[in-house]
Amino acid sequence: MRTVGLLGGMSAESTTLYYQAMNRLVRERLGGLHSIQLLMWSVDFAPIARMQADGDWQAAGEVLAQAAARLERAGAEAIMIGANTMHLVADQVQAAVSVPLIHIADSTADAVKAAGCSRPLLLATRFTMEKPFYRERLKAQGVEASIPNDAERERLHAIIYDELCQGVISPASKVEALAMIAHASGADCVIFGCTEVGLLLSPQDLDLPVIDTALVHAQAGVDFALS
């Protein structure tokens, strides 16, 4: 088994999901007492969240780049960023290491196409929904994502940072998120494009196919580890 290096803590809530999912997937494939061979660097998210809000992506990227280099020195044979938004600095992180970076948007695009879809609704932070780094990478792979309207994007961003990243699961916020999906038109699937969205919503809540980015990214990490 090859060793995967995970940059986590963004947030700690979803990083827990990564760890559980990757171990479950390895156990399902290998059986018995097998588990993922994993190195993890879990950052303090508060300073990074401030850098995001301030638009200081260079500084945020440097934090992750230094952590990725430490993981490589410790023996990681691939790097994963356990968050969608921080893939805005994926190129900066990749430049800091010689091992591959397993990109969450690539895993997501593959999963959308495997579901027979091409026009997903993207639910994520405002950064991921509005900045080009994510949707353009999807588009380059034949996936044309739409996003909620401006007021809904603002509200969803607040739900993610003020609630989900802090372990708060609100039934009222779930109703709001489902309403955002109901308001959308033309989508053939829904991307849980923040790794915390799966804490609030589940595929069983929706009639459309769901791509949970945390889970498909975890699967890609396991595929690498066992390849």
C-alpha atoms as a PDB file:
ATOM      1  CA  MET A   1       0.000   0.000   0.000  1.00  0.00           C
ATOM      2  CA  ARG A   2       1.231   3.476  -0.863  1.00  0.00           C
ATOM      3  CA  THR A   3       1.131   6.292   1.692  1.00  0.00           C
ATOM      4  CA  VAL A   4      -1.229   9.226   1.197  1.00  0.00           C
ATOM      5  CA  GLY A   5      -0.639  12.638   2.784  1.00  0.00           C
ATOM      6  CA  LEU A   6      -3.789  14.530   3.752  1.00  0.00           C
ATOM      7  CA  LEU A   7      -3.892  18.261   4.468  1.00  0.00           C
ATOM      8  CA  GLY A   8      -6.803  18.474   6.882  1.00  0.00           C
ATOM      9  CA  GLY A   9      -8.471  20.688   9.437  1.00  0.00           C
ATOM     10  CA  MET A  10     -10.380  22.755   6.857  1.00  0.00           C
ATOM     11  CA  SER A  11     -12.594  22.056   8.657  1.00  0.00           C
ATOM     12  CA  ALA A  12     -11.884  19.463  11.309  1.00  0.00           C
ATOM     13  CA  GLU A  13     -15.504  18.314  10.927  1.00  0.00           C
ATOM     14  CA  SER A  14     -15.047  17.151   7.345  1.00  0.00           C
ATOM     15  CA  THR A  15     -11.525  15.849   7.938  1.00  0.00           C
ATOM     16  CA  THR A  16     -13.067  13.341  10.338  1.00  0.00           C
ATOM     17  CA  LEU A  17     -15.282  12.183   7.460  1.00  0.00           C
ATOM     18  CA  TYR A  18     -12.237  11.741   5.218  1.00  0.00           C
ATOM     19  CA  TYR A  19     -10.470   9.569   7.785  1.00  0.00           C
ATOM     20  CA  GLN A  20     -13.528   7.405   8.398  1.00  0.00           C
ATOM     21  CA  ALA A  21     -14.373   7.049   4.706  1.00  0.00           C
ATOM     22  CA  MET A  22     -10.842   6.155   3.606  1.00  0.00           C
ATOM     23  CA  ASN A  23     -10.477   3.512   6.287  1.00  0.00           C
ATOM     24  CA  ARG A  24     -13.911   2.064   5.476  1.00  0.00           C
ATOM     25  CA  LEU A  25     -13.122   1.893   1.769  1.00  0.00           C
ATOM     26  CA  VAL A  26      -9.789   0.134   2.353  1.00  0.00           C
ATOM     27  CA  ARG A  27     -11.463  -2.357   4.682  1.00  0.00           C
ATOM     28  CA  GLU A  28     -14.187  -3.040   2.109  1.00  0.00           C
ATOM     29  CA  ARG A  29     -11.613  -3.705  -0.597  1.00  0.00           C
ATOM     30  CA  LEU A  30      -9.001  -5.641   1.389  1.00  0.00           C
ATOM     31  CA  GLY A  31     -11.093  -7.057   4.224  1.00  0.00           C
ATOM     32  CA  GLY A  32     -10.134  -7.989   7.748  1.00  0.00           C
ATOM     33  CA  LEU A  33      -8.158  -5.476   9.773  1.00  0.00           C
ATOM     34  CA  HIS A  34      -6.829  -3.441   6.825  1.00  0.00           C
ATOM     35  CA  SER A  35      -6.879   0.340   7.040  1.00  0.00           C
ATOM     36  CA  ILE A  36      -5.464   3.292   5.086  1.00  0.00           C
ATOM     37  CA  GLN A  37      -1.752   4.091   5.302  1.00  0.00           C
ATOM     38  CA  LEU A  38      -2.113   7.808   5.910  1.00  0.00           C
ATOM     39  CA  LEU A  39      -0.098  10.804   7.041  1.00  0.00           C
ATOM     40  CA  MET A  40      -2.092  13.886   8.027  1.00  0.00           C
ATOM     41  CA  TRP A  41      -1.234  17.491   8.751  1.00  0.00           C
ATOM     42  CA  SER A  42      -4.231  19.167  10.368  1.00  0.00           C
ATOM     43  CA  VAL A  43      -3.999  22.955  10.284  1.00  0.00           C
ATOM     44  CA  ASP A  44      -5.546  25.505  12.635  1.00  0.00           C
ATOM     45  CA  PHE A  45      -8.388  26.668  10.408  1.00  0.00           C
ATOM     46  CA  ALA A  46      -9.072  30.041  12.063  1.00  0.00           C
ATOM     47  CA  PRO A  47      -5.993  31.835  10.647  1.00  0.00           C
ATOM     48  CA  ILE A  48      -6.622  30.350   7.208  1.00  0.00           C
ATOM     49  CA  ALA A  49     -10.274  31.402   7.285  1.00  0.00           C
ATOM     50  CA  ARG A  50      -9.113  34.953   8.049  1.00  0.00           C
ATOM     51  CA  MET A  51      -6.705  34.837   5.109  1.00  0.00           C
ATOM     52  CA  GLN A  52      -9.555  33.660   2.885  1.00  0.00           C
ATOM     53  CA  ALA A  53     -11.812  36.491   4.038  1.00  0.00           C
ATOM     54  CA  ASP A  54      -8.987  38.990   3.490  1.00  0.00           C
ATOM     55  CA  GLY A  55      -8.236  37.619   0.029  1.00  0.00           C
ATOM     56  CA  ASP A  56      -4.676  36.733   1.070  1.00  0.00           C
ATOM     57  CA  TRP A  57      -4.580  33.459  -0.847  1.00  0.00           C
ATOM     58  CA  GLN A  58      -0.811  33.618  -1.286  1.00  0.00           C
ATOM     59  CA  ALA A  59      -0.308  33.405   2.486  1.00  0.00           C
ATOM     60  CA  ALA A  60      -2.898  30.659   2.857  1.00  0.00           C
ATOM     61  CA  GLY A  61      -1.243  28.743   0.056  1.00  0.00           C
ATOM     62  CA  GLU A  62       2.139  29.058   1.728  1.00  0.00           C
ATOM     63  CA  VAL A  63       0.758  27.475   4.898  1.00  0.00           C
ATOM     64  CA  LEU A  64      -0.468  24.475   2.927  1.00  0.00           C
ATOM     65  CA  ALA A  65       2.626  24.317   0.724  1.00  0.00           C
ATOM     66  CA  GLN A  66       4.900  24.104   3.768  1.00  0.00           C
ATOM     67  CA  ALA A  67       2.668  21.447   5.321  1.00  0.00           C
ATOM     68  CA  ALA A  68       2.629  19.434   2.082  1.00  0.00           C
ATOM     69  CA  ALA A  69       6.435  19.526   1.929  1.00  0.00           C
ATOM     70  CA  ARG A  70       6.570  18.202   5.487  1.00  0.00           C
ATOM     71  CA  LEU A  71       4.225  15.370   4.560  1.00  0.00           C
ATOM     72  CA  GLU A  72       6.384  14.464   1.579  1.00  0.00           C
ATOM     73  CA  ARG A  73       9.504  14.425   3.746  1.00  0.00           C
ATOM     74  CA  ALA A  74       7.659  12.144   6.161  1.00  0.00           C
ATOM     75  CA  GLY A  75       6.959   9.663   3.368  1.00  0.00           C
ATOM     76  CA  ALA A  76       3.735  10.731   1.640  1.00  0.00           C
ATOM     77  CA  GLU A  77       3.608   9.522  -1.963  1.00  0.00           C
ATOM     78  CA  ALA A  78       0.675  11.777  -2.933  1.00  0.00           C
ATOM     79  CA  ILE A  79      -0.948  14.849  -1.412  1.00  0.00           C
ATOM     80  CA  MET A  80      -4.638  15.540  -0.880  1.00  0.00           C
ATOM     81  CA  ILE A  81      -6.160  18.856   0.230  1.00  0.00           C
ATOM     82  CA  GLY A  82      -9.199  17.869   2.280  1.00  0.00           C
ATOM     83  CA  ALA A  83     -11.253  20.891   1.232  1.00  0.00           C
ATOM     84  CA  ASN A  84     -12.716  22.256  -1.993  1.00  0.00           C
ATOM     85  CA  THR A  85     -12.057  25.958  -1.400  1.00  0.00           C
ATOM     86  CA  MET A  86      -8.370  25.530  -0.657  1.00  0.00           C
ATOM     87  CA  HIS A  87      -7.869  23.963  -4.067  1.00  0.00           C
ATOM     88  CA  LEU A  88      -7.695  27.592  -5.159  1.00  0.00           C
ATOM     89  CA  VAL A  89      -4.037  27.259  -4.081  1.00  0.00           C
ATOM     90  CA  ALA A  90      -3.563  23.753  -5.484  1.00  0.00           C
ATOM     91  CA  ASP A  91      -0.910  24.892  -7.960  1.00  0.00           C
ATOM     92  CA  GLN A  92       1.068  26.521  -5.153  1.00  0.00           C
ATOM     93  CA  VAL A  93       0.880  23.321  -3.107  1.00  0.00           C
ATOM     94  CA  GLN A  94       1.830  21.140  -6.081  1.00  0.00           C
ATOM     95  CA  ALA A  95       4.848  23.327  -6.781  1.00  0.00           C
ATOM     96  CA  ALA A  96       6.135  22.679  -3.263  1.00  0.00           C
ATOM     97  CA  VAL A  97       6.303  18.883  -3.663  1.00  0.00           C
ATOM     98  CA  SER A  98       7.518  16.346  -6.193  1.00  0.00           C
ATOM     99  CA  VAL A  99       4.706  13.840  -5.565  1.00  0.00           C
ATOM    100  CA  PRO A 100       1.299  14.177  -7.276  1.00  0.00           C
ATOM    101  CA  LEU A 101      -1.589  16.174  -5.859  1.00  0.00           C
ATOM    102  CA  ILE A 102      -4.929  14.365  -6.118  1.00  0.00           C
ATOM    103  CA  HIS A 103      -7.259  17.194  -7.161  1.00  0.00           C
ATOM    104  CA  ILE A 104     -10.790  17.168  -5.755  1.00  0.00           C
ATOM    105  CA  ALA A 105     -12.311  18.785  -8.850  1.00  0.00           C
ATOM    106  CA  ASP A 106     -10.945  15.990 -11.044  1.00  0.00           C
ATOM    107  CA  SER A 107     -12.491  13.376  -8.753  1.00  0.00           C
ATOM    108  CA  THR A 108     -15.746  15.338  -8.844  1.00  0.00           C
ATOM    109  CA  ALA A 109     -15.826  15.644 -12.632  1.00  0.00           C
ATOM    110  CA  ASP A 110     -15.181  11.917 -12.984  1.00  0.00           C
ATOM    111  CA  ALA A 111     -18.042  11.147 -10.589  1.00  0.00           C
ATOM    112  CA  VAL A 112     -20.460  13.490 -12.373  1.00  0.00           C
ATOM    113  CA  LYS A 113     -19.730  11.826 -15.709  1.00  0.00           C
ATOM    114  CA  ALA A 114     -19.904   8.332 -14.201  1.00  0.00           C
ATOM    115  CA  ALA A 115     -23.433   9.212 -13.039  1.00  0.00           C
ATOM    116  CA  GLY A 116     -24.337  10.048 -16.640  1.00  0.00           C
ATOM    117  CA  CYS A 117     -24.622  13.758 -15.851  1.00  0.00           C
ATOM    118  CA  SER A 118     -23.020  16.961 -17.135  1.00  0.00           C
ATOM    119  CA  ARG A 119     -25.013  19.901 -15.695  1.00  0.00           C
ATOM    120  CA  PRO A 120     -24.623  19.864 -11.901  1.00  0.00           C
ATOM    121  CA  LEU A 121     -25.784  22.429  -9.383  1.00  0.00           C
ATOM    122  CA  LEU A 122     -22.743  23.348  -7.278  1.00  0.00           C
ATOM    123  CA  LEU A 123     -23.335  23.976  -3.560  1.00  0.00           C
ATOM    124  CA  ALA A 124     -20.215  25.334  -1.903  1.00  0.00           C
ATOM    125  CA  THR A 125     -18.579  28.336  -0.273  1.00  0.00           C
ATOM    126  CA  ARG A 126     -18.832  31.633  -2.120  1.00  0.00           C
ATOM    127  CA  PHE A 127     -15.145  31.267  -3.016  1.00  0.00           C
ATOM    128  CA  THR A 128     -15.689  27.917  -4.712  1.00  0.00           C
ATOM    129  CA  MET A 129     -18.926  28.946  -6.409  1.00  0.00           C
ATOM    130  CA  GLU A 130     -17.802  32.354  -7.644  1.00  0.00           C
ATOM    131  CA  LYS A 131     -14.074  32.167  -8.340  1.00  0.00           C
ATOM    132  CA  PRO A 132     -13.046  30.492 -11.613  1.00  0.00           C
ATOM    133  CA  PHE A 133     -10.578  27.908 -10.283  1.00  0.00           C
ATOM    134  CA  TYR A 134     -13.190  25.213  -9.633  1.00  0.00           C
ATOM    135  CA  ARG A 135     -15.915  25.590 -12.236  1.00  0.00           C
ATOM    136  CA  GLU A 136     -13.391  26.159 -15.019  1.00  0.00           C
ATOM    137  CA  ARG A 137     -11.588  22.942 -14.107  1.00  0.00           C
ATOM    138  CA  LEU A 138     -14.908  21.112 -14.221  1.00  0.00           C
ATOM    139  CA  LYS A 139     -15.780  22.737 -17.549  1.00  0.00           C
ATOM    140  CA  ALA A 140     -12.474  21.629 -19.076  1.00  0.00           C
ATOM    141  CA  GLN A 141     -13.636  18.075 -18.389  1.00  0.00           C
ATOM    142  CA  GLY A 142     -17.081  18.499 -19.926  1.00  0.00           C
ATOM    143  CA  VAL A 143     -18.994  19.417 -16.765  1.00  0.00           C
ATOM    144  CA  GLU A 144     -20.911  22.723 -16.831  1.00  0.00           C
ATOM    145  CA  ALA A 145     -21.842  23.658 -13.258  1.00  0.00           C
ATOM    146  CA  SER A 146     -24.511  26.161 -12.275  1.00  0.00           C
ATOM    147  CA  ILE A 147     -24.731  27.931  -8.909  1.00  0.00           C
ATOM    148  CA  PRO A 148     -27.511  29.375  -6.724  1.00  0.00           C
ATOM    149  CA  ASN A 149     -28.435  33.050  -6.923  1.00  0.00           C
ATOM    150  CA  ASP A 150     -26.468  35.705  -5.056  1.00  0.00           C
ATOM    151  CA  ALA A 151     -28.613  35.809  -1.915  1.00  0.00           C
ATOM    152  CA  GLU A 152     -28.599  32.024  -1.712  1.00  0.00           C
ATOM    153  CA  ARG A 153     -24.836  31.918  -2.193  1.00  0.00           C
ATOM    154  CA  GLU A 154     -24.380  34.377   0.662  1.00  0.00           C
ATOM    155  CA  ARG A 155     -26.635  32.351   2.946  1.00  0.00           C
ATOM    156  CA  LEU A 156     -25.033  29.031   2.047  1.00  0.00           C
ATOM    157  CA  HIS A 157     -21.583  30.478   2.725  1.00  0.00           C
ATOM    158  CA  ALA A 158     -22.757  31.562   6.199  1.00  0.00           C
ATOM    159  CA  ILE A 159     -24.264  28.143   6.899  1.00  0.00           C
ATOM    160  CA  ILE A 160     -20.938  26.510   6.038  1.00  0.00           C
ATOM    161  CA  TYR A 161     -18.657  28.769   8.083  1.00  0.00           C
ATOM    162  CA  ASP A 162     -20.917  29.737  10.984  1.00  0.00           C
ATOM    163  CA  GLU A 163     -22.566  26.353  11.456  1.00  0.00           C
ATOM    164  CA  LEU A 164     -21.199  23.280   9.678  1.00  0.00           C
ATOM    165  CA  CYS A 165     -17.489  24.022  10.173  1.00  0.00           C
ATOM    166  CA  GLN A 166     -18.259  24.422  13.882  1.00  0.00           C
ATOM    167  CA  GLY A 167     -20.242  21.191  14.161  1.00  0.00           C
ATOM    168  CA  VAL A 168     -23.664  22.882  14.215  1.00  0.00           C
ATOM    169  CA  ILE A 169     -26.321  21.014  12.217  1.00  0.00           C
ATOM    170  CA  SER A 170     -29.510  23.067  11.951  1.00  0.00           C
ATOM    171  CA  PRO A 171     -32.799  21.607  10.651  1.00  0.00           C
ATOM    172  CA  ALA A 172     -33.817  25.123   9.586  1.00  0.00           C
ATOM    173  CA  SER A 173     -30.645  25.491   7.522  1.00  0.00           C
ATOM    174  CA  LYS A 174     -31.328  22.120   5.910  1.00  0.00           C
ATOM    175  CA  VAL A 175     -34.736  23.395   4.811  1.00  0.00           C
ATOM    176  CA  GLU A 176     -33.052  26.494   3.339  1.00  0.00           C
ATOM    177  CA  ALA A 177     -30.479  24.423   1.464  1.00  0.00           C
ATOM    178  CA  LEU A 178     -33.168  22.146   0.025  1.00  0.00           C
ATOM    179  CA  ALA A 179     -35.077  25.230  -1.105  1.00  0.00           C
ATOM    180  CA  MET A 180     -31.984  26.448  -2.967  1.00  0.00           C
ATOM    181  CA  ILE A 181     -31.901  23.152  -4.853  1.00  0.00           C
ATOM    182  CA  ALA A 182     -35.622  23.348  -5.593  1.00  0.00           C
ATOM    183  CA  HIS A 183     -35.176  26.879  -7.002  1.00  0.00           C
ATOM    184  CA  ALA A 184     -32.491  25.739  -9.448  1.00  0.00           C
ATOM    185  CA  SER A 185     -33.469  24.790 -12.984  1.00  0.00           C
ATOM    186  CA  GLY A 186     -31.757  22.657 -15.582  1.00  0.00           C
ATOM    187  CA  ALA A 187     -29.456  20.744 -13.226  1.00  0.00           C
ATOM    188  CA  ASP A 188     -29.180  16.990 -13.701  1.00  0.00           C
ATOM    189  CA  CYS A 189     -27.316  16.352 -10.425  1.00  0.00           C
ATOM    190  CA  VAL A 190     -26.114  18.165  -7.299  1.00  0.00           C
ATOM    191  CA  ILE A 191     -22.493  18.560  -6.209  1.00  0.00           C
ATOM    192  CA  PHE A 192     -21.909  18.837  -2.479  1.00  0.00           C
ATOM    193  CA  GLY A 193     -19.024  21.135  -3.370  1.00  0.00           C
ATOM    194  CA  CYS A 194     -17.958  21.909   0.174  1.00  0.00           C
ATOM    195  CA  THR A 195     -16.752  18.938   2.164  1.00  0.00           C
ATOM    196  CA  GLU A 196     -19.115  19.903   5.006  1.00  0.00           C
ATOM    197  CA  VAL A 197     -22.337  19.947   2.953  1.00  0.00           C
ATOM    198  CA  GLY A 198     -22.752  16.212   3.427  1.00  0.00           C
ATOM    199  CA  LEU A 199     -23.115  16.874   7.153  1.00  0.00           C
ATOM    200  CA  LEU A 200     -26.318  18.816   6.423  1.00  0.00           C
ATOM    201  CA  LEU A 201     -27.790  17.008   3.419  1.00  0.00           C
ATOM    202  CA  SER A 202     -27.815  13.403   2.271  1.00  0.00           C
ATOM    203  CA  PRO A 203     -28.539  11.803  -1.116  1.00  0.00           C
ATOM    204  CA  GLN A 204     -31.798  10.495   0.339  1.00  0.00           C
ATOM    205  CA  ASP A 205     -33.028  14.094   0.679  1.00  0.00           C
ATOM    206  CA  LEU A 206     -32.948  14.667  -3.075  1.00  0.00           C
ATOM    207  CA  ASP A 207     -34.488  13.273  -6.241  1.00  0.00           C
ATOM    208  CA  LEU A 208     -31.393  14.172  -8.270  1.00  0.00           C
ATOM    209  CA  PRO A 209     -28.116  12.204  -8.189  1.00  0.00           C
ATOM    210  CA  VAL A 210     -25.669  13.560  -5.590  1.00  0.00           C
ATOM    211  CA  ILE A 211     -21.892  13.873  -5.854  1.00  0.00           C
ATOM    212  CA  ASP A 212     -20.436  14.261  -2.355  1.00  0.00           C
ATOM    213  CA  THR A 213     -16.973  15.689  -2.989  1.00  0.00           C
ATOM    214  CA  ALA A 214     -15.519  14.507   0.317  1.00  0.00           C
ATOM    215  CA  LEU A 215     -16.488  10.924  -0.467  1.00  0.00           C
ATOM    216  CA  VAL A 216     -15.362  10.863  -4.093  1.00  0.00           C
ATOM    217  CA  HIS A 217     -12.080  12.531  -3.126  1.00  0.00           C
ATOM    218  CA  ALA A 218     -11.567   9.966  -0.371  1.00  0.00           C
ATOM    219  CA  GLN A 219     -12.216   7.241  -2.946  1.00  0.00           C
ATOM    220  CA  ALA A 220      -9.561   8.736  -5.235  1.00  0.00           C
ATOM    221  CA  GLY A 221      -7.076   8.702  -2.361  1.00  0.00           C
ATOM    222  CA  VAL A 222      -7.804   5.053  -1.666  1.00  0.00           C
ATOM    223  CA  ASP A 223      -7.512   4.206  -5.377  1.00  0.00           C
ATOM    224  CA  PHE A 224      -4.044   5.758  -5.343  1.00  0.00           C
ATOM    225  CA  ALA A 225      -3.027   3.993  -2.132  1.00  0.00           C
ATOM    226  CA  LEU A 226      -4.054   0.589  -3.446  1.00  0.00           C
ATOM    227  CA  SER A 227      -2.948   1.026  -7.056  1.00  0.00           C
END
